[in-house]
Amino acid sequence: MKDTSIQDKSLRRYRKWRPRTEEGFEELREKTVEHASIDLKKSEKKSDGSKDLVKATKRVVEAGKKIGNNENPNRKLKDASEEVSNFVASKTIISVRKVEEAVYSDMMLRFNPFFFDTEDFSVDMRSHKDGVYRFGVNVPDEDSRRQLKDRFREYN
C-alpha cells in the first residue's frame, strides 16, 4: 500500500493488527477488540490516578492558606482544578473503553470476528461455509482504491 494516498498511521495500525500464521483465533479476536476501542488519550497519560485527587486536595488547602494571608489563590485553585479534571477524564475514558471492549467482545465479534477499520481503509476476514476464510478490503477513497487496484494488477 506504499506509494498510495493511504496514511502511514493507518498502515502502522494495520501492521500491528494483521493476522499472523503463528496466532490463534483468540489472539486475533483480542487484537480486534483492542484496535476497535478508544486509543490511549493525553489525560490518561497525564493522570496519576487517585494521586491526582490527593494533589488537588493539597492545592485547595494551600489556596485556603493564601486567602488567609490575603494572597491571590488563583494559581493553586487552577492547578487543583486541572488535577481533578485529569483524574475525572482519565477514569471516564477508562470506563468507556471497558464498556466498548465488552460490547465488541460480547456482541460485535459474533457477527464479524475479524475486522480492522481506519479512515483510509477497512479489512475483514470472514469464514465461509466451505471453511475457508476470505479477506475483504474496502477503500472508500476512489483515488486510493484505483491506486491499490493498479498495484495489485502489477503483482498478478
C-alpha atoms as a PDB file:
ATOM      1  CA  MET A   1       0.000   0.000   0.000  1.00  0.00           C
ATOM      2  CA  LYS A   2       3.029   2.207  -0.133  1.00  0.00           C
ATOM      3  CA  ASP A   3       3.017   4.835  -2.864  1.00  0.00           C
ATOM      4  CA  THR A   4      -0.721   5.383  -2.380  1.00  0.00           C
ATOM      5  CA  SER A   5      -2.600   8.166  -0.637  1.00  0.00           C
ATOM      6  CA  ILE A   6      -3.295   5.920   2.363  1.00  0.00           C
ATOM      7  CA  GLN A   7      -1.839   7.457   5.538  1.00  0.00           C
ATOM      8  CA  ASP A   8       1.211   5.888   7.232  1.00  0.00           C
ATOM      9  CA  LYS A   9      -0.653   5.896  10.554  1.00  0.00           C
ATOM     10  CA  SER A  10      -3.349   3.632   9.102  1.00  0.00           C
ATOM     11  CA  LEU A  11      -0.716   1.296   7.678  1.00  0.00           C
ATOM     12  CA  ARG A  12       1.169   1.109  11.007  1.00  0.00           C
ATOM     13  CA  ARG A  13      -2.054   0.279  12.822  1.00  0.00           C
ATOM     14  CA  TYR A  14      -2.877  -2.392  10.237  1.00  0.00           C
ATOM     15  CA  ARG A  15       0.588  -3.961  10.505  1.00  0.00           C
ATOM     16  CA  LYS A  16       0.090  -4.221  14.264  1.00  0.00           C
ATOM     17  CA  TRP A  17      -3.358  -5.826  13.857  1.00  0.00           C
ATOM     18  CA  ARG A  18      -2.861  -8.008  10.791  1.00  0.00           C
ATOM     19  CA  PRO A  19      -3.316 -11.782  11.138  1.00  0.00           C
ATOM     20  CA  ARG A  20      -0.140 -13.815  11.509  1.00  0.00           C
ATOM     21  CA  THR A  21       0.187 -17.533  10.901  1.00  0.00           C
ATOM     22  CA  GLU A  22       1.505 -18.218  14.405  1.00  0.00           C
ATOM     23  CA  GLU A  23      -1.500 -16.545  16.058  1.00  0.00           C
ATOM     24  CA  GLY A  24      -4.648 -18.320  17.085  1.00  0.00           C
ATOM     25  CA  PHE A  25      -8.187 -17.059  16.670  1.00  0.00           C
ATOM     26  CA  GLU A  26      -8.368 -15.824  20.256  1.00  0.00           C
ATOM     27  CA  GLU A  27      -5.260 -13.650  19.825  1.00  0.00           C
ATOM     28  CA  LEU A  28      -6.699 -12.080  16.692  1.00  0.00           C
ATOM     29  CA  ARG A  29     -10.039 -11.521  18.442  1.00  0.00           C
ATOM     30  CA  GLU A  30      -8.217  -9.740  21.289  1.00  0.00           C
ATOM     31  CA  LYS A  31      -6.318  -7.544  18.838  1.00  0.00           C
ATOM     32  CA  THR A  32      -9.575  -6.755  17.032  1.00  0.00           C
ATOM     33  CA  VAL A  33     -11.236  -5.641  20.283  1.00  0.00           C
ATOM     34  CA  GLU A  34      -8.163  -3.655  21.313  1.00  0.00           C
ATOM     35  CA  HIS A  35      -7.997  -1.896  17.953  1.00  0.00           C
ATOM     36  CA  ALA A  36     -11.715  -1.123  17.901  1.00  0.00           C
ATOM     37  CA  SER A  37     -11.756   0.520  21.319  1.00  0.00           C
ATOM     38  CA  ILE A  38     -10.680   4.064  22.203  1.00  0.00           C
ATOM     39  CA  ASP A  39      -6.955   4.801  21.977  1.00  0.00           C
ATOM     40  CA  LEU A  40      -4.972   5.979  24.986  1.00  0.00           C
ATOM     41  CA  LYS A  41      -5.671   9.702  25.483  1.00  0.00           C
ATOM     42  CA  LYS A  42      -3.484  12.558  26.787  1.00  0.00           C
ATOM     43  CA  SER A  43      -5.465  12.837  30.005  1.00  0.00           C
ATOM     44  CA  GLU A  44      -4.765   9.167  30.768  1.00  0.00           C
ATOM     45  CA  LYS A  45      -1.070   9.670  30.186  1.00  0.00           C
ATOM     46  CA  LYS A  46      -1.029  12.763  32.413  1.00  0.00           C
ATOM     47  CA  SER A  47      -3.107  11.262  35.219  1.00  0.00           C
ATOM     48  CA  ASP A  48      -1.576   9.600  38.277  1.00  0.00           C
ATOM     49  CA  GLY A  49      -4.931   8.115  39.246  1.00  0.00           C
ATOM     50  CA  SER A  50      -6.095   8.792  42.786  1.00  0.00           C
ATOM     51  CA  LYS A  51      -2.817  10.625  43.475  1.00  0.00           C
ATOM     52  CA  ASP A  52      -4.307  13.449  41.375  1.00  0.00           C
ATOM     53  CA  LEU A  53      -7.065  13.863  43.957  1.00  0.00           C
ATOM     54  CA  VAL A  54      -4.542  13.927  46.795  1.00  0.00           C
ATOM     55  CA  LYS A  55      -2.548  16.614  44.962  1.00  0.00           C
ATOM     56  CA  ALA A  56      -5.708  18.598  44.244  1.00  0.00           C
ATOM     57  CA  THR A  57      -6.697  18.471  47.917  1.00  0.00           C
ATOM     58  CA  LYS A  58      -3.276  19.803  48.909  1.00  0.00           C
ATOM     59  CA  ARG A  59      -3.597  22.625  46.349  1.00  0.00           C
ATOM     60  CA  VAL A  60      -7.015  23.610  47.746  1.00  0.00           C
ATOM     61  CA  VAL A  61      -5.575  23.674  51.289  1.00  0.00           C
ATOM     62  CA  GLU A  62      -2.670  25.805  50.031  1.00  0.00           C
ATOM     63  CA  ALA A  63      -5.170  28.124  48.316  1.00  0.00           C
ATOM     64  CA  GLY A  64      -7.073  28.439  51.598  1.00  0.00           C
ATOM     65  CA  LYS A  65      -3.863  29.459  53.354  1.00  0.00           C
ATOM     66  CA  LYS A  66      -3.192  32.045  50.648  1.00  0.00           C
ATOM     67  CA  ILE A  67      -6.645  33.510  51.203  1.00  0.00           C
ATOM     68  CA  GLY A  68      -5.912  33.644  54.937  1.00  0.00           C
ATOM     69  CA  ASN A  69      -2.714  35.561  54.176  1.00  0.00           C
ATOM     70  CA  ASN A  70      -4.535  37.951  51.818  1.00  0.00           C
ATOM     71  CA  GLU A  71      -2.699  36.445  48.814  1.00  0.00           C
ATOM     72  CA  ASN A  72      -4.136  35.507  45.431  1.00  0.00           C
ATOM     73  CA  PRO A  73      -5.107  31.771  45.434  1.00  0.00           C
ATOM     74  CA  ASN A  74      -5.949  31.591  41.716  1.00  0.00           C
ATOM     75  CA  ARG A  75      -2.890  29.592  40.610  1.00  0.00           C
ATOM     76  CA  LYS A  76      -3.343  26.953  43.333  1.00  0.00           C
ATOM     77  CA  LEU A  77      -7.045  26.651  42.557  1.00  0.00           C
ATOM     78  CA  LYS A  78      -6.343  26.368  38.832  1.00  0.00           C
ATOM     79  CA  ASP A  79      -3.777  23.607  39.472  1.00  0.00           C
ATOM     80  CA  ALA A  80      -6.250  21.776  41.724  1.00  0.00           C
ATOM     81  CA  SER A  81      -8.933  22.074  39.073  1.00  0.00           C
ATOM     82  CA  GLU A  82      -6.620  20.652  36.379  1.00  0.00           C
ATOM     83  CA  GLU A  83      -5.648  17.702  38.572  1.00  0.00           C
ATOM     84  CA  VAL A  84      -9.283  16.844  39.324  1.00  0.00           C
ATOM     85  CA  SER A  85     -10.107  17.273  35.640  1.00  0.00           C
ATOM     86  CA  ASN A  86      -7.298  14.885  34.598  1.00  0.00           C
ATOM     87  CA  PHE A  87      -8.484  12.317  37.111  1.00  0.00           C
ATOM     88  CA  VAL A  88     -12.132  12.515  36.009  1.00  0.00           C
ATOM     89  CA  ALA A  89     -11.273  12.483  32.289  1.00  0.00           C
ATOM     90  CA  SER A  90      -8.924   9.542  32.713  1.00  0.00           C
ATOM     91  CA  LYS A  91     -11.404   7.479  34.719  1.00  0.00           C
ATOM     92  CA  THR A  92     -14.206   8.308  32.279  1.00  0.00           C
ATOM     93  CA  ILE A  93     -12.171   7.208  29.260  1.00  0.00           C
ATOM     94  CA  ILE A  94     -11.099   4.012  31.029  1.00  0.00           C
ATOM     95  CA  SER A  95     -14.745   3.242  31.858  1.00  0.00           C
ATOM     96  CA  VAL A  96     -15.911   3.932  28.302  1.00  0.00           C
ATOM     97  CA  ARG A  97     -13.113   1.723  26.944  1.00  0.00           C
ATOM     98  CA  LYS A  98     -14.179  -1.147  29.231  1.00  0.00           C
ATOM     99  CA  VAL A  99     -17.784  -0.844  28.038  1.00  0.00           C
ATOM    100  CA  GLU A 100     -16.605  -0.659  24.430  1.00  0.00           C
ATOM    101  CA  GLU A 101     -14.421  -3.740  24.830  1.00  0.00           C
ATOM    102  CA  ALA A 102     -17.321  -5.638  26.405  1.00  0.00           C
ATOM    103  CA  VAL A 103     -19.648  -4.646  23.564  1.00  0.00           C
ATOM    104  CA  TYR A 104     -17.104  -5.625  20.924  1.00  0.00           C
ATOM    105  CA  SER A 105     -16.081  -8.906  22.501  1.00  0.00           C
ATOM    106  CA  ASP A 106     -19.596 -10.000  23.528  1.00  0.00           C
ATOM    107  CA  MET A 107     -21.634  -8.712  20.602  1.00  0.00           C
ATOM    108  CA  MET A 108     -19.788  -7.375  17.579  1.00  0.00           C
ATOM    109  CA  LEU A 109     -17.366 -10.253  17.225  1.00  0.00           C
ATOM    110  CA  ARG A 110     -20.302 -12.670  16.968  1.00  0.00           C
ATOM    111  CA  PHE A 111     -21.238 -11.059  13.652  1.00  0.00           C
ATOM    112  CA  ASN A 112     -17.755 -10.461  12.288  1.00  0.00           C
ATOM    113  CA  PRO A 113     -14.925 -11.776  14.458  1.00  0.00           C
ATOM    114  CA  PHE A 114     -12.044 -10.318  12.487  1.00  0.00           C
ATOM    115  CA  PHE A 115     -12.208  -6.740  11.283  1.00  0.00           C
ATOM    116  CA  PHE A 116      -9.959  -3.722  11.103  1.00  0.00           C
ATOM    117  CA  ASP A 117     -11.104  -0.184  10.387  1.00  0.00           C
ATOM    118  CA  THR A 118      -9.410   3.185   9.828  1.00  0.00           C
ATOM    119  CA  GLU A 119     -10.428   6.328   7.973  1.00  0.00           C
ATOM    120  CA  ASP A 120      -8.376   5.188   4.981  1.00  0.00           C
ATOM    121  CA  PHE A 121      -9.491   1.577   4.640  1.00  0.00           C
ATOM    122  CA  SER A 122     -11.140  -1.348   6.349  1.00  0.00           C
ATOM    123  CA  VAL A 123     -10.404  -5.052   6.272  1.00  0.00           C
ATOM    124  CA  ASP A 124     -12.437  -8.034   7.304  1.00  0.00           C
ATOM    125  CA  MET A 125     -11.851 -11.736   7.331  1.00  0.00           C
ATOM    126  CA  ARG A 126     -14.910 -13.959   7.164  1.00  0.00           C
ATOM    127  CA  SER A 127     -15.372 -17.700   7.413  1.00  0.00           C
ATOM    128  CA  HIS A 128     -17.486 -19.224   4.683  1.00  0.00           C
ATOM    129  CA  LYS A 129     -19.472 -22.464   4.600  1.00  0.00           C
ATOM    130  CA  ASP A 130     -16.575 -24.270   2.954  1.00  0.00           C
ATOM    131  CA  GLY A 131     -14.382 -23.461   5.995  1.00  0.00           C
ATOM    132  CA  VAL A 132     -12.207 -21.068   4.019  1.00  0.00           C
ATOM    133  CA  TYR A 133     -11.595 -17.557   5.286  1.00  0.00           C
ATOM    134  CA  ARG A 134     -11.898 -14.750   2.800  1.00  0.00           C
ATOM    135  CA  PHE A 135     -10.115 -11.455   3.216  1.00  0.00           C
ATOM    136  CA  GLY A 136     -12.008  -8.326   2.140  1.00  0.00           C
ATOM    137  CA  VAL A 137     -10.602  -4.828   1.773  1.00  0.00           C
ATOM    138  CA  ASN A 138     -12.707  -1.689   1.455  1.00  0.00           C
ATOM    139  CA  VAL A 139     -11.107   1.610   0.454  1.00  0.00           C
ATOM    140  CA  PRO A 140     -13.660   4.436   0.482  1.00  0.00           C
ATOM    141  CA  ASP A 141     -11.484   6.988  -1.331  1.00  0.00           C
ATOM    142  CA  GLU A 142     -11.816   6.418  -5.071  1.00  0.00           C
ATOM    143  CA  ASP A 143      -8.265   7.554  -5.936  1.00  0.00           C
ATOM    144  CA  SER A 144      -6.704   5.336  -3.264  1.00  0.00           C
ATOM    145  CA  ARG A 145      -8.850   2.401  -4.367  1.00  0.00           C
ATOM    146  CA  ARG A 146      -7.767   2.895  -8.006  1.00  0.00           C
ATOM    147  CA  GLN A 147      -4.099   3.127  -6.956  1.00  0.00           C
ATOM    148  CA  LEU A 148      -4.400  -0.109  -4.996  1.00  0.00           C
ATOM    149  CA  LYS A 149      -6.138  -1.920  -7.854  1.00  0.00           C
ATOM    150  CA  ASP A 150      -3.348  -0.807 -10.183  1.00  0.00           C
ATOM    151  CA  ARG A 151      -0.726  -2.066  -7.709  1.00  0.00           C
ATOM    152  CA  PHE A 152      -2.483  -5.438  -7.368  1.00  0.00           C
ATOM    153  CA  ARG A 153      -2.650  -5.789 -11.143  1.00  0.00           C
ATOM    154  CA  GLU A 154       1.133  -5.223 -11.296  1.00  0.00           C
ATOM    155  CA  TYR A 155       1.640  -8.216  -8.985  1.00  0.00           C
ATOM    156  CA  ASN A 156      -0.591 -10.550 -11.000  1.00  0.00           C
END
